[in-house]
Amino acid sequence: MSKYEVIIYWSKDDQAFIAEVPELAGCAADGTTYQEALANVETVIREWIETAKELRRPIPEPKGRLAFA
């Protein structure tokens, strides 16, 4: 499990739970259940980091709970 903050909420428009990672731009996933959205976003976090490494882009350090969240 990653150490990045994950925000999970229900999207009425999508009829799915959305999991967003504010510290990783564009990093988000969805799922039909809360647990599925969390599992999916963990996969997306790993892929986000792998891609950033391949492209030699900076990877933010996890900060934990964000002040604005």
N, C-alpha and C. Protein backbone atom coordinates (compact mmCIF):
# COMPACT_ATOMS: atom_id res chain seq x y z
N MET A 1 0.85 -1.18 0.00
CA MET A 1 0.00 0.00 0.00
C MET A 1 0.89 1.25 0.00
N SER A 2 0.54 2.19 -0.83
CA SER A 2 1.33 3.41 -0.93
C SER A 2 1.09 4.32 0.27
N LYS A 3 1.92 5.33 0.39
CA LYS A 3 1.81 6.28 1.50
C LYS A 3 1.21 7.60 1.04
N TYR A 4 0.74 7.65 -0.20
CA TYR A 4 0.11 8.87 -0.70
C TYR A 4 -1.33 8.96 -0.20
N GLU A 5 -1.75 10.18 0.03
CA GLU A 5 -3.14 10.40 0.45
C GLU A 5 -4.06 10.06 -0.71
N VAL A 6 -5.13 9.33 -0.41
CA VAL A 6 -6.14 8.97 -1.41
C VAL A 6 -7.48 9.51 -0.92
N ILE A 7 -8.16 10.22 -1.81
CA ILE A 7 -9.50 10.73 -1.50
C ILE A 7 -10.49 9.91 -2.30
N ILE A 8 -11.45 9.30 -1.61
CA ILE A 8 -12.44 8.46 -2.27
C ILE A 8 -13.83 9.05 -2.04
N TYR A 9 -14.59 9.17 -3.12
CA TYR A 9 -15.94 9.71 -3.01
C TYR A 9 -16.84 9.03 -4.04
N TRP A 10 -18.14 9.12 -3.80
CA TRP A 10 -19.13 8.56 -4.72
C TRP A 10 -19.45 9.59 -5.79
N SER A 11 -19.41 9.17 -7.05
CA SER A 11 -19.79 10.04 -8.16
C SER A 11 -21.15 9.59 -8.69
N LYS A 12 -22.15 10.43 -8.49
CA LYS A 12 -23.48 10.11 -8.98
C LYS A 12 -23.48 10.05 -10.51
N ASP A 13 -22.75 10.97 -11.15
CA ASP A 13 -22.69 10.99 -12.61
C ASP A 13 -22.11 9.70 -13.18
N ASP A 14 -21.05 9.20 -12.56
CA ASP A 14 -20.38 7.99 -13.04
C ASP A 14 -20.96 6.71 -12.45
N GLN A 15 -21.76 6.86 -11.39
CA GLN A 15 -22.30 5.70 -10.67
C GLN A 15 -21.16 4.78 -10.24
N ALA A 16 -20.12 5.40 -9.65
CA ALA A 16 -18.95 4.66 -9.21
C ALA A 16 -18.24 5.44 -8.12
N PHE A 17 -17.42 4.74 -7.35
CA PHE A 17 -16.55 5.40 -6.39
C PHE A 17 -15.32 5.87 -7.15
N ILE A 18 -14.89 7.09 -6.89
CA ILE A 18 -13.71 7.68 -7.53
C ILE A 18 -12.63 7.81 -6.45
N ALA A 19 -11.43 7.37 -6.78
CA ALA A 19 -10.28 7.49 -5.88
C ALA A 19 -9.25 8.40 -6.55
N GLU A 20 -8.92 9.51 -5.91
CA GLU A 20 -7.97 10.47 -6.47
C GLU A 20 -6.76 10.57 -5.55
N VAL A 21 -5.59 10.83 -6.16
CA VAL A 21 -4.34 11.01 -5.42
C VAL A 21 -3.87 12.44 -5.71
N PRO A 22 -4.20 13.40 -4.84
CA PRO A 22 -3.90 14.81 -5.12
C PRO A 22 -2.42 15.11 -5.36
N GLU A 23 -1.53 14.36 -4.74
CA GLU A 23 -0.09 14.64 -4.87
C GLU A 23 0.49 14.18 -6.21
N LEU A 24 -0.23 13.32 -6.93
CA LEU A 24 0.25 12.80 -8.21
C LEU A 24 -0.72 13.28 -9.30
N ALA A 25 -0.33 14.27 -10.04
CA ALA A 25 -1.21 14.90 -11.02
C ALA A 25 -1.85 13.89 -11.96
N GLY A 26 -3.17 13.94 -12.03
CA GLY A 26 -3.91 13.07 -12.93
C GLY A 26 -4.06 11.64 -12.48
N CYS A 27 -3.61 11.32 -11.29
CA CYS A 27 -3.65 9.95 -10.78
C CYS A 27 -5.01 9.70 -10.11
N ALA A 28 -5.82 8.86 -10.75
CA ALA A 28 -7.15 8.55 -10.22
C ALA A 28 -7.61 7.22 -10.78
N ALA A 29 -8.58 6.63 -10.11
CA ALA A 29 -9.17 5.38 -10.56
C ALA A 29 -10.61 5.34 -10.06
N ASP A 30 -11.35 4.34 -10.52
CA ASP A 30 -12.72 4.20 -10.04
C ASP A 30 -13.00 2.74 -9.73
N GLY A 31 -14.18 2.50 -9.19
CA GLY A 31 -14.59 1.14 -8.88
C GLY A 31 -16.05 1.11 -8.50
N THR A 32 -16.66 -0.05 -8.60
CA THR A 32 -18.07 -0.16 -8.24
C THR A 32 -18.27 -0.18 -6.73
N THR A 33 -17.19 -0.49 -5.99
CA THR A 33 -17.24 -0.44 -4.53
C THR A 33 -16.07 0.41 -4.04
N TYR A 34 -16.16 0.83 -2.80
CA TYR A 34 -15.08 1.60 -2.17
C TYR A 34 -13.78 0.82 -2.22
N GLN A 35 -13.86 -0.46 -1.86
CA GLN A 35 -12.68 -1.32 -1.82
C GLN A 35 -12.07 -1.51 -3.22
N GLU A 36 -12.92 -1.65 -4.23
CA GLU A 36 -12.43 -1.81 -5.59
C GLU A 36 -11.74 -0.53 -6.07
N ALA A 37 -12.30 0.63 -5.76
CA ALA A 37 -11.68 1.90 -6.14
C ALA A 37 -10.32 2.03 -5.48
N LEU A 38 -10.21 1.65 -4.21
CA LEU A 38 -8.93 1.74 -3.50
C LEU A 38 -7.90 0.78 -4.11
N ALA A 39 -8.31 -0.45 -4.40
CA ALA A 39 -7.40 -1.42 -5.02
C ALA A 39 -6.95 -0.92 -6.40
N ASN A 40 -7.88 -0.39 -7.16
CA ASN A 40 -7.54 0.11 -8.50
C ASN A 40 -6.59 1.28 -8.45
N VAL A 41 -6.78 2.19 -7.49
CA VAL A 41 -5.90 3.35 -7.42
C VAL A 41 -4.50 2.96 -6.97
N GLU A 42 -4.37 1.91 -6.16
CA GLU A 42 -3.04 1.43 -5.77
C GLU A 42 -2.28 0.96 -7.01
N THR A 43 -2.96 0.29 -7.92
CA THR A 43 -2.34 -0.13 -9.18
C THR A 43 -1.93 1.08 -10.00
N VAL A 44 -2.82 2.06 -10.09
CA VAL A 44 -2.56 3.26 -10.88
C VAL A 44 -1.39 4.06 -10.28
N ILE A 45 -1.28 4.09 -8.96
CA ILE A 45 -0.15 4.78 -8.32
C ILE A 45 1.16 4.14 -8.74
N ARG A 46 1.22 2.81 -8.69
CA ARG A 46 2.44 2.11 -9.10
C ARG A 46 2.77 2.41 -10.57
N GLU A 47 1.76 2.39 -11.43
CA GLU A 47 1.97 2.68 -12.85
C GLU A 47 2.40 4.13 -13.06
N TRP A 48 1.82 5.06 -12.30
CA TRP A 48 2.16 6.48 -12.39
C TRP A 48 3.64 6.65 -12.07
N ILE A 49 4.09 6.02 -10.98
CA ILE A 49 5.49 6.14 -10.56
C ILE A 49 6.42 5.49 -11.58
N GLU A 50 6.07 4.32 -12.09
CA GLU A 50 6.89 3.65 -13.11
C GLU A 50 7.04 4.54 -14.35
N THR A 51 5.95 5.14 -14.79
CA THR A 51 5.98 6.01 -15.97
C THR A 51 6.83 7.24 -15.71
N ALA A 52 6.68 7.83 -14.53
CA ALA A 52 7.48 9.01 -14.19
C ALA A 52 8.97 8.67 -14.21
N LYS A 53 9.32 7.50 -13.70
CA LYS A 53 10.73 7.07 -13.71
C LYS A 53 11.23 6.90 -15.14
N GLU A 54 10.42 6.26 -15.97
CA GLU A 54 10.81 6.04 -17.37
C GLU A 54 11.03 7.37 -18.11
N LEU A 55 10.19 8.35 -17.79
CA LEU A 55 10.28 9.66 -18.44
C LEU A 55 11.23 10.61 -17.72
N ARG A 56 11.84 10.10 -16.64
CA ARG A 56 12.76 10.89 -15.82
C ARG A 56 12.12 12.16 -15.28
N ARG A 57 10.89 12.01 -14.85
CA ARG A 57 10.16 13.13 -14.24
C ARG A 57 10.25 13.00 -12.72
N PRO A 58 10.15 14.12 -12.01
CA PRO A 58 10.22 14.06 -10.56
C PRO A 58 9.01 13.32 -9.96
N ILE A 59 9.29 12.59 -8.90
CA ILE A 59 8.23 11.87 -8.18
C ILE A 59 8.10 12.51 -6.81
N PRO A 60 6.94 13.12 -6.53
CA PRO A 60 6.76 13.77 -5.24
C PRO A 60 6.87 12.78 -4.07
N GLU A 61 7.46 13.23 -2.99
CA GLU A 61 7.48 12.42 -1.77
C GLU A 61 6.09 12.48 -1.13
N PRO A 62 5.60 11.36 -0.60
CA PRO A 62 4.31 11.39 0.08
C PRO A 62 4.37 12.33 1.28
N LYS A 63 3.37 13.19 1.39
CA LYS A 63 3.31 14.15 2.49
C LYS A 63 2.31 13.74 3.56
N GLY A 64 1.52 12.72 3.27
CA GLY A 64 0.49 12.35 4.23
C GLY A 64 -0.72 13.25 4.07
N ARG A 65 -1.39 13.50 5.13
CA ARG A 65 -2.64 14.31 5.08
C ARG A 65 -2.32 15.71 4.58
N LEU A 66 -3.07 16.13 3.56
CA LEU A 66 -2.87 17.45 3.00
C LEU A 66 -3.74 18.49 3.72
N ALA A 67 -3.23 19.67 3.85
CA ALA A 67 -3.93 20.73 4.57
C ALA A 67 -5.21 21.16 3.87
N PHE A 68 -5.23 21.10 2.51
CA PHE A 68 -6.38 21.59 1.80
C PHE A 68 -7.44 20.53 1.54
N ALA A 69 -7.15 19.28 1.87
CA ALA A 69 -8.10 18.19 1.59
C ALA A 69 -9.20 18.13 2.61
